[in-house]
Amino acid sequence: MSAPFCRKHLSIEGLLKEAHRVFRRIPDAPGHDIALVDHLMSGLALFGLKYPSLLQFDQDCREETTRANLKALYGIEQAPSDTRLRERLDELAPSHVRPLYKAISGNDLTQETRVGWAKSALGA
């Protein structure tokens, strides 16, 4: 039996899809070999997967299994290096990611839903 439609959107999978949707809408400057959405989702993966450092994340991204998991879970086509991740995200105005914050902390979501997302993200 599958979960009701609304519950799918209140899971970590729903949260990641919403993040990807919001991040895709942020204008990406031309001339970069890795899309801005991949940088943003990599940053989210870094915290969601509890990496101790950007360097460790960068090293693990060289492994085929890690790349496949990042694509399947976070929709990351190509993970940036730790240096490029810092550089691109430093250029981004915080106002660009505000729509994601509003989506996950909006009045239509209950405290229980937000706690559920947090527990899912923390693996609890």
PDB file of N, CA and C in Angstrom:
ATOM      1  N   MET A   1       0.843  -1.180   0.000  1.00  0.00           N
ATOM      2  CA  MET A   1       0.000   0.000   0.000  1.00  0.00           C
ATOM      3  C   MET A   1       0.885   1.239   0.000  1.00  0.00           C
ATOM      4  N   SER A   2       0.652   2.136  -0.893  1.00  0.00           N
ATOM      5  CA  SER A   2       1.472   3.340  -0.972  1.00  0.00           C
ATOM      6  C   SER A   2       0.941   4.407  -0.025  1.00  0.00           C
ATOM      7  N   ALA A   3       1.844   5.302   0.333  1.00  0.00           N
ATOM      8  CA  ALA A   3       1.476   6.398   1.229  1.00  0.00           C
ATOM      9  C   ALA A   3       0.549   7.360   0.499  1.00  0.00           C
ATOM     10  N   PRO A   4      -0.325   8.035   1.228  1.00  0.00           N
ATOM     11  CA  PRO A   4      -1.184   9.029   0.596  1.00  0.00           C
ATOM     12  C   PRO A   4      -0.341  10.087  -0.118  1.00  0.00           C
ATOM     13  N   PHE A   5      -0.920  10.687  -1.137  1.00  0.00           N
ATOM     14  CA  PHE A   5      -0.212  11.658  -1.968  1.00  0.00           C
ATOM     15  C   PHE A   5       0.472  12.739  -1.140  1.00  0.00           C
ATOM     16  N   CYS A   6      -0.246  13.298  -0.184  1.00  0.00           N
ATOM     17  CA  CYS A   6       0.307  14.416   0.583  1.00  0.00           C
ATOM     18  C   CYS A   6       1.494  13.987   1.433  1.00  0.00           C
ATOM     19  N   ARG A   7       1.520  12.752   1.898  1.00  0.00           N
ATOM     20  CA  ARG A   7       2.614  12.301   2.749  1.00  0.00           C
ATOM     21  C   ARG A   7       3.919  12.209   1.987  1.00  0.00           C
ATOM     22  N   LYS A   8       3.863  11.910   0.692  1.00  0.00           N
ATOM     23  CA  LYS A   8       5.082  11.826  -0.104  1.00  0.00           C
ATOM     24  C   LYS A   8       5.794  13.172  -0.132  1.00  0.00           C
ATOM     25  N   HIS A   9       5.049  14.255  -0.088  1.00  0.00           N
ATOM     26  CA  HIS A   9       5.642  15.582  -0.134  1.00  0.00           C
ATOM     27  C   HIS A   9       6.163  16.010   1.231  1.00  0.00           C
ATOM     28  N   LEU A  10       5.797  15.291   2.266  1.00  0.00           N
ATOM     29  CA  LEU A  10       6.219  15.629   3.618  1.00  0.00           C
ATOM     30  C   LEU A  10       7.328  14.709   4.102  1.00  0.00           C
ATOM     31  N   SER A  11       8.008  14.067   3.181  1.00  0.00           N
ATOM     32  CA  SER A  11       9.110  13.177   3.501  1.00  0.00           C
ATOM     33  C   SER A  11      10.421  13.837   3.101  1.00  0.00           C
ATOM     34  N   ILE A  12      11.536  13.201   3.432  1.00  0.00           N
ATOM     35  CA  ILE A  12      12.828  13.747   3.024  1.00  0.00           C
ATOM     36  C   ILE A  12      12.914  13.754   1.497  1.00  0.00           C
ATOM     37  N   GLU A  13      12.328  12.766   0.849  1.00  0.00           N
ATOM     38  CA  GLU A  13      12.307  12.748  -0.618  1.00  0.00           C
ATOM     39  C   GLU A  13      11.550  13.966  -1.156  1.00  0.00           C
ATOM     40  N   GLY A  14      10.426  14.282  -0.544  1.00  0.00           N
ATOM     41  CA  GLY A  14       9.657  15.457  -0.953  1.00  0.00           C
ATOM     42  C   GLY A  14      10.417  16.747  -0.704  1.00  0.00           C
ATOM     43  N   LEU A  15      11.113  16.807   0.427  1.00  0.00           N
ATOM     44  CA  LEU A  15      11.918  17.985   0.744  1.00  0.00           C
ATOM     45  C   LEU A  15      13.019  18.182  -0.287  1.00  0.00           C
ATOM     46  N   LEU A  16      13.705  17.107  -0.644  1.00  0.00           N
ATOM     47  CA  LEU A  16      14.796  17.210  -1.620  1.00  0.00           C
ATOM     48  C   LEU A  16      14.277  17.591  -3.001  1.00  0.00           C
ATOM     49  N   LYS A  17      13.128  17.063  -3.368  1.00  0.00           N
ATOM     50  CA  LYS A  17      12.536  17.441  -4.659  1.00  0.00           C
ATOM     51  C   LYS A  17      12.152  18.920  -4.663  1.00  0.00           C
ATOM     52  N   GLU A  18      11.607  19.392  -3.559  1.00  0.00           N
ATOM     53  CA  GLU A  18      11.251  20.810  -3.458  1.00  0.00           C
ATOM     54  C   GLU A  18      12.507  21.676  -3.523  1.00  0.00           C
ATOM     55  N   ALA A  19      13.570  21.249  -2.841  1.00  0.00           N
ATOM     56  CA  ALA A  19      14.831  21.993  -2.883  1.00  0.00           C
ATOM     57  C   ALA A  19      15.357  22.046  -4.317  1.00  0.00           C
ATOM     58  N   HIS A  20      15.335  20.926  -5.002  1.00  0.00           N
ATOM     59  CA  HIS A  20      15.821  20.875  -6.389  1.00  0.00           C
ATOM     60  C   HIS A  20      14.976  21.781  -7.280  1.00  0.00           C
ATOM     61  N   ARG A  21      13.668  21.769  -7.081  1.00  0.00           N
ATOM     62  CA  ARG A  21      12.763  22.610  -7.876  1.00  0.00           C
ATOM     63  C   ARG A  21      13.075  24.091  -7.661  1.00  0.00           C
ATOM     64  N   VAL A  22      13.251  24.491  -6.409  1.00  0.00           N
ATOM     65  CA  VAL A  22      13.559  25.887  -6.099  1.00  0.00           C
ATOM     66  C   VAL A  22      14.943  26.265  -6.632  1.00  0.00           C
ATOM     67  N   PHE A  23      15.915  25.413  -6.443  1.00  0.00           N
ATOM     68  CA  PHE A  23      17.279  25.710  -6.873  1.00  0.00           C
ATOM     69  C   PHE A  23      17.392  25.805  -8.394  1.00  0.00           C
ATOM     70  N   ARG A  24      16.609  25.017  -9.116  1.00  0.00           N
ATOM     71  CA  ARG A  24      16.631  25.075 -10.593  1.00  0.00           C
ATOM     72  C   ARG A  24      16.168  26.431 -11.101  1.00  0.00           C
ATOM     73  N   ARG A  25      15.350  27.118 -10.342  1.00  0.00           N
ATOM     74  CA  ARG A  25      14.809  28.417 -10.761  1.00  0.00           C
ATOM     75  C   ARG A  25      15.785  29.568 -10.553  1.00  0.00           C
ATOM     76  N   ILE A  26      16.842  29.350  -9.816  1.00  0.00           N
ATOM     77  CA  ILE A  26      17.822  30.406  -9.572  1.00  0.00           C
ATOM     78  C   ILE A  26      18.646  30.610 -10.843  1.00  0.00           C
ATOM     79  N   PRO A  27      18.750  31.841 -11.314  1.00  0.00           N
ATOM     80  CA  PRO A  27      19.505  32.092 -12.552  1.00  0.00           C
ATOM     81  C   PRO A  27      20.966  31.663 -12.410  1.00  0.00           C
ATOM     82  N   ASP A  28      21.451  30.967 -13.409  1.00  0.00           N
ATOM     83  CA  ASP A  28      22.826  30.466 -13.425  1.00  0.00           C
ATOM     84  C   ASP A  28      23.634  31.281 -14.422  1.00  0.00           C
ATOM     85  N   ALA A  29      24.753  31.805 -13.979  1.00  0.00           N
ATOM     86  CA  ALA A  29      25.614  32.589 -14.865  1.00  0.00           C
ATOM     87  C   ALA A  29      26.232  31.678 -15.928  1.00  0.00           C
ATOM     88  N   PRO A  30      26.322  32.159 -17.154  1.00  0.00           N
ATOM     89  CA  PRO A  30      26.921  31.341 -18.207  1.00  0.00           C
ATOM     90  C   PRO A  30      28.426  31.166 -17.992  1.00  0.00           C
ATOM     91  N   GLY A  31      28.961  30.144 -18.630  1.00  0.00           N
ATOM     92  CA  GLY A  31      30.401  29.928 -18.598  1.00  0.00           C
ATOM     93  C   GLY A  31      30.891  28.999 -17.505  1.00  0.00           C
ATOM     94  N   HIS A  32      29.981  28.345 -16.803  1.00  0.00           N
ATOM     95  CA  HIS A  32      30.381  27.393 -15.763  1.00  0.00           C
ATOM     96  C   HIS A  32      30.143  25.974 -16.264  1.00  0.00           C
ATOM     97  N   ASP A  33      31.074  25.086 -15.958  1.00  0.00           N
ATOM     98  CA  ASP A  33      30.943  23.716 -16.439  1.00  0.00           C
ATOM     99  C   ASP A  33      30.001  22.866 -15.577  1.00  0.00           C
ATOM    100  N   ILE A  34      29.718  23.307 -14.372  1.00  0.00           N
ATOM    101  CA  ILE A  34      28.791  22.590 -13.483  1.00  0.00           C
ATOM    102  C   ILE A  34      27.650  23.535 -13.137  1.00  0.00           C
ATOM    103  N   ALA A  35      26.435  23.043 -13.264  1.00  0.00           N
ATOM    104  CA  ALA A  35      25.243  23.860 -13.026  1.00  0.00           C
ATOM    105  C   ALA A  35      25.162  24.313 -11.564  1.00  0.00           C
ATOM    106  N   LEU A  36      24.603  25.500 -11.369  1.00  0.00           N
ATOM    107  CA  LEU A  36      24.425  26.041 -10.024  1.00  0.00           C
ATOM    108  C   LEU A  36      23.557  25.114  -9.175  1.00  0.00           C
ATOM    109  N   VAL A  37      22.545  24.505  -9.765  1.00  0.00           N
ATOM    110  CA  VAL A  37      21.679  23.596  -9.007  1.00  0.00           C
ATOM    111  C   VAL A  37      22.499  22.434  -8.429  1.00  0.00           C
ATOM    112  N   ASP A  38      23.512  21.965  -9.150  1.00  0.00           N
ATOM    113  CA  ASP A  38      24.364  20.891  -8.628  1.00  0.00           C
ATOM    114  C   ASP A  38      25.226  21.376  -7.464  1.00  0.00           C
ATOM    115  N   HIS A  39      25.658  22.627  -7.522  1.00  0.00           N
ATOM    116  CA  HIS A  39      26.407  23.194  -6.400  1.00  0.00           C
ATOM    117  C   HIS A  39      25.519  23.284  -5.154  1.00  0.00           C
ATOM    118  N   LEU A  40      24.317  23.791  -5.341  1.00  0.00           N
ATOM    119  CA  LEU A  40      23.404  23.958  -4.209  1.00  0.00           C
ATOM    120  C   LEU A  40      22.976  22.616  -3.617  1.00  0.00           C
ATOM    121  N   MET A  41      22.653  21.667  -4.474  1.00  0.00           N
ATOM    122  CA  MET A  41      22.248  20.354  -3.976  1.00  0.00           C
ATOM    123  C   MET A  41      23.435  19.630  -3.338  1.00  0.00           C
ATOM    124  N   SER A  42      24.652  19.880  -3.827  1.00  0.00           N
ATOM    125  CA  SER A  42      25.845  19.290  -3.205  1.00  0.00           C
ATOM    126  C   SER A  42      26.036  19.838  -1.800  1.00  0.00           C
ATOM    127  N   GLY A  43      25.796  21.138  -1.633  1.00  0.00           N
ATOM    128  CA  GLY A  43      25.868  21.718  -0.299  1.00  0.00           C
ATOM    129  C   GLY A  43      24.846  21.109   0.640  1.00  0.00           C
ATOM    130  N   LEU A  44      23.653  20.882   0.125  1.00  0.00           N
ATOM    131  CA  LEU A  44      22.604  20.243   0.920  1.00  0.00           C
ATOM    132  C   LEU A  44      22.994  18.803   1.261  1.00  0.00           C
ATOM    133  N   ALA A  45      23.566  18.099   0.290  1.00  0.00           N
ATOM    134  CA  ALA A  45      24.004  16.712   0.513  1.00  0.00           C
ATOM    135  C   ALA A  45      25.124  16.652   1.549  1.00  0.00           C
ATOM    136  N   LEU A  46      26.014  17.608   1.485  1.00  0.00           N
ATOM    137  CA  LEU A  46      27.133  17.671   2.425  1.00  0.00           C
ATOM    138  C   LEU A  46      26.624  17.657   3.866  1.00  0.00           C
ATOM    139  N   PHE A  47      25.596  18.455   4.134  1.00  0.00           N
ATOM    140  CA  PHE A  47      25.031  18.502   5.486  1.00  0.00           C
ATOM    141  C   PHE A  47      24.102  17.332   5.754  1.00  0.00           C
ATOM    142  N   GLY A  48      23.291  16.982   4.770  1.00  0.00           N
ATOM    143  CA  GLY A  48      22.338  15.895   4.962  1.00  0.00           C
ATOM    144  C   GLY A  48      22.998  14.554   5.195  1.00  0.00           C
ATOM    145  N   LEU A  49      24.145  14.348   4.572  1.00  0.00           N
ATOM    146  CA  LEU A  49      24.868  13.084   4.727  1.00  0.00           C
ATOM    147  C   LEU A  49      25.931  13.159   5.823  1.00  0.00           C
ATOM    148  N   LYS A  50      25.962  14.294   6.524  1.00  0.00           N
ATOM    149  CA  LYS A  50      26.809  14.493   7.707  1.00  0.00           C
ATOM    150  C   LYS A  50      28.301  14.320   7.427  1.00  0.00           C
ATOM    151  N   TYR A  51      28.752  14.900   6.325  1.00  0.00           N
ATOM    152  CA  TYR A  51      30.181  14.863   6.035  1.00  0.00           C
ATOM    153  C   TYR A  51      30.922  15.742   7.024  1.00  0.00           C
ATOM    154  N   PRO A  52      32.066  15.287   7.526  1.00  0.00           N
ATOM    155  CA  PRO A  52      32.818  16.088   8.492  1.00  0.00           C
ATOM    156  C   PRO A  52      33.524  17.288   7.865  1.00  0.00           C
ATOM    157  N   SER A  53      33.733  17.245   6.533  1.00  0.00           N
ATOM    158  CA  SER A  53      34.429  18.356   5.875  1.00  0.00           C
ATOM    159  C   SER A  53      34.117  18.361   4.383  1.00  0.00           C
ATOM    160  N   LEU A  54      34.346  19.512   3.768  1.00  0.00           N
ATOM    161  CA  LEU A  54      34.205  19.619   2.318  1.00  0.00           C
ATOM    162  C   LEU A  54      35.219  18.721   1.619  1.00  0.00           C
ATOM    163  N   LEU A  55      36.403  18.622   2.177  1.00  0.00           N
ATOM    164  CA  LEU A  55      37.442  17.794   1.571  1.00  0.00           C
ATOM    165  C   LEU A  55      37.022  16.325   1.526  1.00  0.00           C
ATOM    166  N   GLN A  56      36.445  15.824   2.610  1.00  0.00           N
ATOM    167  CA  GLN A  56      35.991  14.432   2.637  1.00  0.00           C
ATOM    168  C   GLN A  56      34.880  14.207   1.618  1.00  0.00           C
ATOM    169  N   PHE A  57      33.974  15.155   1.508  1.00  0.00           N
ATOM    170  CA  PHE A  57      32.904  15.085   0.513  1.00  0.00           C
ATOM    171  C   PHE A  57      33.507  15.043  -0.889  1.00  0.00           C
ATOM    172  N   ASP A  58      34.467  15.916  -1.143  1.00  0.00           N
ATOM    173  CA  ASP A  58      35.142  15.976  -2.446  1.00  0.00           C
ATOM    174  C   ASP A  58      35.819  14.649  -2.768  1.00  0.00           C
ATOM    175  N   GLN A  59      36.510  14.077  -1.803  1.00  0.00           N
ATOM    176  CA  GLN A  59      37.203  12.806  -2.019  1.00  0.00           C
ATOM    177  C   GLN A  59      36.209  11.679  -2.297  1.00  0.00           C
ATOM    178  N   ASP A  60      35.125  11.631  -1.545  1.00  0.00           N
ATOM    179  CA  ASP A  60      34.127  10.582  -1.742  1.00  0.00           C
ATOM    180  C   ASP A  60      33.413  10.712  -3.086  1.00  0.00           C
ATOM    181  N   CYS A  61      33.283  11.945  -3.577  1.00  0.00           N
ATOM    182  CA  CYS A  61      32.601  12.164  -4.857  1.00  0.00           C
ATOM    183  C   CYS A  61      33.378  11.602  -6.036  1.00  0.00           C
ATOM    184  N   ARG A  62      34.601  11.215  -5.824  1.00  0.00           N
ATOM    185  CA  ARG A  62      35.398  10.596  -6.887  1.00  0.00           C
ATOM    186  C   ARG A  62      35.028   9.128  -7.076  1.00  0.00           C
ATOM    187  N   GLU A  63      34.333   8.560  -6.098  1.00  0.00           N
ATOM    188  CA  GLU A  63      33.934   7.150  -6.164  1.00  0.00           C
ATOM    189  C   GLU A  63      32.622   7.026  -6.936  1.00  0.00           C
ATOM    190  N   GLU A  64      32.557   6.026  -7.781  1.00  0.00           N
ATOM    191  CA  GLU A  64      31.377   5.805  -8.633  1.00  0.00           C
ATOM    192  C   GLU A  64      30.107   5.596  -7.804  1.00  0.00           C
ATOM    193  N   THR A  65      30.208   4.839  -6.723  1.00  0.00           N
ATOM    194  CA  THR A  65      29.042   4.561  -5.884  1.00  0.00           C
ATOM    195  C   THR A  65      28.486   5.846  -5.275  1.00  0.00           C
ATOM    196  N   THR A  66      29.362   6.701  -4.794  1.00  0.00           N
ATOM    197  CA  THR A  66      28.928   7.970  -4.204  1.00  0.00           C
ATOM    198  C   THR A  66      28.264   8.843  -5.254  1.00  0.00           C
ATOM    199  N   ARG A  67      28.857   8.921  -6.440  1.00  0.00           N
ATOM    200  CA  ARG A  67      28.260   9.733  -7.512  1.00  0.00           C
ATOM    201  C   ARG A  67      26.867   9.214  -7.871  1.00  0.00           C
ATOM    202  N   ALA A  68      26.716   7.893  -7.935  1.00  0.00           N
ATOM    203  CA  ALA A  68      25.410   7.305  -8.256  1.00  0.00           C
ATOM    204  C   ALA A  68      24.392   7.618  -7.164  1.00  0.00           C
ATOM    205  N   ASN A  69      24.819   7.555  -5.913  1.00  0.00           N
ATOM    206  CA  ASN A  69      23.908   7.854  -4.798  1.00  0.00           C
ATOM    207  C   ASN A  69      23.510   9.322  -4.782  1.00  0.00           C
ATOM    208  N   LEU A  70      24.449  10.206  -5.063  1.00  0.00           N
ATOM    209  CA  LEU A  70      24.134  11.635  -5.102  1.00  0.00           C
ATOM    210  C   LEU A  70      23.146  11.943  -6.219  1.00  0.00           C
ATOM    211  N   LYS A  71      23.295  11.253  -7.338  1.00  0.00           N
ATOM    212  CA  LYS A  71      22.360  11.468  -8.447  1.00  0.00           C
ATOM    213  C   LYS A  71      20.969  10.947  -8.079  1.00  0.00           C
ATOM    214  N   ALA A  72      20.917   9.756  -7.491  1.00  0.00           N
ATOM    215  CA  ALA A  72      19.629   9.148  -7.155  1.00  0.00           C
ATOM    216  C   ALA A  72      18.910   9.889  -6.034  1.00  0.00           C
ATOM    217  N   LEU A  73      19.629  10.288  -5.003  1.00  0.00           N
ATOM    218  CA  LEU A  73      19.001  10.910  -3.834  1.00  0.00           C
ATOM    219  C   LEU A  73      18.810  12.415  -3.975  1.00  0.00           C
ATOM    220  N   TYR A  74      19.812  13.081  -4.540  1.00  0.00           N
ATOM    221  CA  TYR A  74      19.808  14.548  -4.571  1.00  0.00           C
ATOM    222  C   TYR A  74      19.665  15.128  -5.972  1.00  0.00           C
ATOM    223  N   GLY A  75      19.674  14.304  -6.995  1.00  0.00           N
ATOM    224  CA  GLY A  75      19.544  14.790  -8.364  1.00  0.00           C
ATOM    225  C   GLY A  75      20.781  15.521  -8.864  1.00  0.00           C
ATOM    226  N   ILE A  76      21.938  15.210  -8.292  1.00  0.00           N
ATOM    227  CA  ILE A  76      23.192  15.874  -8.658  1.00  0.00           C
ATOM    228  C   ILE A  76      23.794  15.183  -9.878  1.00  0.00           C
ATOM    229  N   GLU A  77      23.893  15.929 -10.961  1.00  0.00           N
ATOM    230  CA  GLU A  77      24.486  15.384 -12.186  1.00  0.00           C
ATOM    231  C   GLU A  77      26.006  15.321 -12.074  1.00  0.00           C
ATOM    232  N   GLN A  78      26.610  16.392 -11.550  1.00  0.00           N
ATOM    233  CA  GLN A  78      28.056  16.452 -11.403  1.00  0.00           C
ATOM    234  C   GLN A  78      28.371  17.253 -10.147  1.00  0.00           C
ATOM    235  N   ALA A  79      29.030  16.608  -9.198  1.00  0.00           N
ATOM    236  CA  ALA A  79      29.371  17.286  -7.948  1.00  0.00           C
ATOM    237  C   ALA A  79      30.621  18.147  -8.154  1.00  0.00           C
ATOM    238  N   PRO A  80      30.605  19.373  -7.652  1.00  0.00           N
ATOM    239  CA  PRO A  80      31.770  20.243  -7.798  1.00  0.00           C
ATOM    240  C   PRO A  80      32.864  19.896  -6.790  1.00  0.00           C
ATOM    241  N   SER A  81      34.064  20.367  -7.061  1.00  0.00           N
ATOM    242  CA  SER A  81      35.148  20.212  -6.092  1.00  0.00           C
ATOM    243  C   SER A  81      34.860  21.105  -4.884  1.00  0.00           C
ATOM    244  N   ASP A  82      35.586  20.852  -3.800  1.00  0.00           N
ATOM    245  CA  ASP A  82      35.349  21.651  -2.601  1.00  0.00           C
ATOM    246  C   ASP A  82      35.629  23.132  -2.846  1.00  0.00           C
ATOM    247  N   THR A  83      36.654  23.441  -3.629  1.00  0.00           N
ATOM    248  CA  THR A  83      36.984  24.831  -3.921  1.00  0.00           C
ATOM    249  C   THR A  83      35.893  25.498  -4.753  1.00  0.00           C
ATOM    250  N   ARG A  84      35.454  24.829  -5.811  1.00  0.00           N
ATOM    251  CA  ARG A  84      34.418  25.388  -6.676  1.00  0.00           C
ATOM    252  C   ARG A  84      33.094  25.543  -5.916  1.00  0.00           C
ATOM    253  N   LEU A  85      32.797  24.594  -5.034  1.00  0.00           N
ATOM    254  CA  LEU A  85      31.573  24.690  -4.236  1.00  0.00           C
ATOM    255  C   LEU A  85      31.592  25.968  -3.406  1.00  0.00           C
ATOM    256  N   ARG A  86      32.700  26.221  -2.731  1.00  0.00           N
ATOM    257  CA  ARG A  86      32.822  27.446  -1.923  1.00  0.00           C
ATOM    258  C   ARG A  86      32.696  28.694  -2.789  1.00  0.00           C
ATOM    259  N   GLU A  87      33.417  28.705  -3.904  1.00  0.00           N
ATOM    260  CA  GLU A  87      33.424  29.893  -4.762  1.00  0.00           C
ATOM    261  C   GLU A  87      32.029  30.217  -5.299  1.00  0.00           C
ATOM    262  N   ARG A  88      31.338  29.210  -5.818  1.00  0.00           N
ATOM    263  CA  ARG A  88      30.012  29.465  -6.412  1.00  0.00           C
ATOM    264  C   ARG A  88      28.978  29.850  -5.360  1.00  0.00           C
ATOM    265  N   LEU A  89      29.004  29.182  -4.219  1.00  0.00           N
ATOM    266  CA  LEU A  89      28.009  29.486  -3.197  1.00  0.00           C
ATOM    267  C   LEU A  89      28.281  30.833  -2.530  1.00  0.00           C
ATOM    268  N   ASP A  90      29.552  31.231  -2.460  1.00  0.00           N
ATOM    269  CA  ASP A  90      29.874  32.548  -1.906  1.00  0.00           C
ATOM    270  C   ASP A  90      29.316  33.664  -2.776  1.00  0.00           C
ATOM    271  N   GLU A  91      29.197  33.431  -4.071  1.00  0.00           N
ATOM    272  CA  GLU A  91      28.687  34.430  -5.009  1.00  0.00           C
ATOM    273  C   GLU A  91      27.169  34.603  -4.915  1.00  0.00           C
ATOM    274  N   LEU A  92      26.492  33.627  -4.348  1.00  0.00           N
ATOM    275  CA  LEU A  92      25.036  33.594  -4.356  1.00  0.00           C
ATOM    276  C   LEU A  92      24.436  34.450  -3.245  1.00  0.00           C
ATOM    277  N   ALA A  93      23.499  35.292  -3.616  1.00  0.00           N
ATOM    278  CA  ALA A  93      22.795  36.103  -2.620  1.00  0.00           C
ATOM    279  C   ALA A  93      21.835  35.224  -1.820  1.00  0.00           C
ATOM    280  N   PRO A  94      21.779  35.387  -0.514  1.00  0.00           N
ATOM    281  CA  PRO A  94      20.876  34.583   0.313  1.00  0.00           C
ATOM    282  C   PRO A  94      19.412  34.682  -0.123  1.00  0.00           C
ATOM    283  N   SER A  95      19.044  35.784  -0.726  1.00  0.00           N
ATOM    284  CA  SER A  95      17.658  35.959  -1.160  1.00  0.00           C
ATOM    285  C   SER A  95      17.240  34.916  -2.201  1.00  0.00           C
ATOM    286  N   HIS A  96      18.208  34.334  -2.903  1.00  0.00           N
ATOM    287  CA  HIS A  96      17.881  33.320  -3.910  1.00  0.00           C
ATOM    288  C   HIS A  96      17.384  32.013  -3.287  1.00  0.00           C
ATOM    289  N   VAL A  97      17.835  31.700  -2.094  1.00  0.00           N
ATOM    290  CA  VAL A  97      17.406  30.447  -1.458  1.00  0.00           C
ATOM    291  C   VAL A  97      16.234  30.650  -0.495  1.00  0.00           C
ATOM    292  N   ARG A  98      15.845  31.888  -0.298  1.00  0.00           N
ATOM    293  CA  ARG A  98      14.724  32.186   0.602  1.00  0.00           C
ATOM    294  C   ARG A  98      13.433  31.458   0.216  1.00  0.00           C
ATOM    295  N   PRO A  99      13.119  31.298  -1.078  1.00  0.00           N
ATOM    296  CA  PRO A  99      11.885  30.576  -1.425  1.00  0.00           C
ATOM    297  C   PRO A  99      11.836  29.142  -0.874  1.00  0.00           C
ATOM    298  N   LEU A 100      12.987  28.498  -0.763  1.00  0.00           N
ATOM    299  CA  LEU A 100      12.994  27.148  -0.185  1.00  0.00           C
ATOM    300  C   LEU A 100      12.670  27.219   1.299  1.00  0.00           C
ATOM    301  N   TYR A 101      13.266  28.176   1.985  1.00  0.00           N
ATOM    302  CA  TYR A 101      12.966  28.345   3.406  1.00  0.00           C
ATOM    303  C   TYR A 101      11.478  28.600   3.618  1.00  0.00           C
ATOM    304  N   LYS A 102      10.920  29.461   2.788  1.00  0.00           N
ATOM    305  CA  LYS A 102       9.498  29.765   2.908  1.00  0.00           C
ATOM    306  C   LYS A 102       8.644  28.536   2.633  1.00  0.00           C
ATOM    307  N   ALA A 103       9.068  27.720   1.664  1.00  0.00           N
ATOM    308  CA  ALA A 103       8.300  26.522   1.319  1.00  0.00           C
ATOM    309  C   ALA A 103       8.282  25.515   2.464  1.00  0.00           C
ATOM    310  N   ILE A 104       9.420  25.364   3.160  1.00  0.00           N
ATOM    311  CA  ILE A 104       9.462  24.347   4.213  1.00  0.00           C
ATOM    312  C   ILE A 104       9.067  24.864   5.583  1.00  0.00           C
ATOM    313  N   SER A 105       8.974  26.176   5.715  1.00  0.00           N
ATOM    314  CA  SER A 105       8.570  26.717   7.016  1.00  0.00           C
ATOM    315  C   SER A 105       7.274  27.511   6.917  1.00  0.00           C
ATOM    316  N   GLY A 106       6.560  27.316   5.830  1.00  0.00           N
ATOM    317  CA  GLY A 106       5.328  28.065   5.599  1.00  0.00           C
ATOM    318  C   GLY A 106       4.250  27.748   6.607  1.00  0.00           C
ATOM    319  N   ASN A 107       3.267  28.607   6.632  1.00  0.00           N
ATOM    320  CA  ASN A 107       2.163  28.457   7.577  1.00  0.00           C
ATOM    321  C   ASN A 107       1.343  27.204   7.321  1.00  0.00           C
ATOM    322  N   ASP A 108       1.403  26.670   6.097  1.00  0.00           N
ATOM    323  CA  ASP A 108       0.598  25.493   5.791  1.00  0.00           C
ATOM    324  C   ASP A 108       1.217  24.211   6.336  1.00  0.00           C
ATOM    325  N   LEU A 109       2.448  24.286   6.817  1.00  0.00           N
ATOM    326  CA  LEU A 109       3.081  23.111   7.386  1.00  0.00           C
ATOM    327  C   LEU A 109       2.965  23.150   8.901  1.00  0.00           C
ATOM    328  N   THR A 110       2.681  22.031   9.476  1.00  0.00           N
ATOM    329  CA  THR A 110       2.576  21.950  10.926  1.00  0.00           C
ATOM    330  C   THR A 110       3.955  21.761  11.534  1.00  0.00           C
ATOM    331  N   GLN A 111       4.058  22.013  12.808  1.00  0.00           N
ATOM    332  CA  GLN A 111       5.316  21.788  13.519  1.00  0.00           C
ATOM    333  C   GLN A 111       5.689  20.307  13.435  1.00  0.00           C
ATOM    334  N   GLU A 112       4.712  19.438  13.498  1.00  0.00           N
ATOM    335  CA  GLU A 112       4.962  18.000  13.412  1.00  0.00           C
ATOM    336  C   GLU A 112       5.624  17.642  12.085  1.00  0.00           C
ATOM    337  N   THR A 113       5.181  18.255  11.009  1.00  0.00           N
ATOM    338  CA  THR A 113       5.763  18.001   9.697  1.00  0.00           C
ATOM    339  C   THR A 113       7.208  18.455   9.658  1.00  0.00           C
ATOM    340  N   ARG A 114       7.494  19.641  10.172  1.00  0.00           N
ATOM    341  CA  ARG A 114       8.864  20.146  10.172  1.00  0.00           C
ATOM    342  C   ARG A 114       9.769  19.272  11.027  1.00  0.00           C
ATOM    343  N   VAL A 115       9.275  18.794  12.157  1.00  0.00           N
ATOM    344  CA  VAL A 115      10.052  17.903  13.012  1.00  0.00           C
ATOM    345  C   VAL A 115      10.301  16.584  12.277  1.00  0.00           C
ATOM    346  N   GLY A 116       9.301  16.087  11.555  1.00  0.00           N
ATOM    347  CA  GLY A 116       9.473  14.866  10.772  1.00  0.00           C
ATOM    348  C   GLY A 116      10.544  15.016   9.714  1.00  0.00           C
ATOM    349  N   TRP A 117      10.552  16.156   9.026  1.00  0.00           N
ATOM    350  CA  TRP A 117      11.596  16.418   8.014  1.00  0.00           C
ATOM    351  C   TRP A 117      12.967  16.457   8.674  1.00  0.00           C
ATOM    352  N   ALA A 118      13.057  17.119   9.791  1.00  0.00           N
ATOM    353  CA  ALA A 118      14.344  17.228  10.476  1.00  0.00           C
ATOM    354  C   ALA A 118      14.840  15.853  10.901  1.00  0.00           C
ATOM    355  N   LYS A 119      13.951  15.036  11.433  1.00  0.00           N
ATOM    356  CA  LYS A 119      14.341  13.685  11.844  1.00  0.00           C
ATOM    357  C   LYS A 119      14.776  12.857  10.654  1.00  0.00           C
ATOM    358  N   SER A 120      14.080  12.989   9.530  1.00  0.00           N
ATOM    359  CA  SER A 120      14.461  12.262   8.326  1.00  0.00           C
ATOM    360  C   SER A 120      15.829  12.701   7.854  1.00  0.00           C
ATOM    361  N   ALA A 121      16.072  14.002   7.869  1.00  0.00           N
ATOM    362  CA  ALA A 121      17.365  14.528   7.414  1.00  0.00           C
ATOM    363  C   ALA A 121      18.492  14.084   8.320  1.00  0.00           C
ATOM    364  N   LEU A 122      18.184  13.921   9.598  1.00  0.00           N
ATOM    365  CA  LEU A 122      19.207  13.504  10.560  1.00  0.00           C
ATOM    366  C   LEU A 122      19.323  11.996  10.667  1.00  0.00           C
ATOM    367  N   GLY A 123      18.485  11.271   9.955  1.00  0.00           N
ATOM    368  CA  GLY A 123      18.541   9.826   9.994  1.00  0.00           C
ATOM    369  C   GLY A 123      17.972   9.226  11.268  1.00  0.00           C
ATOM    370  N   ALA A 124      17.140   9.981  11.948  1.00  0.00           N
ATOM    371  CA  ALA A 124      16.566   9.491  13.221  1.00  0.00           C
ATOM    372  C   ALA A 124      15.297   8.692  12.958  1.00  0.00           C
TER     373      ALA A 124
END
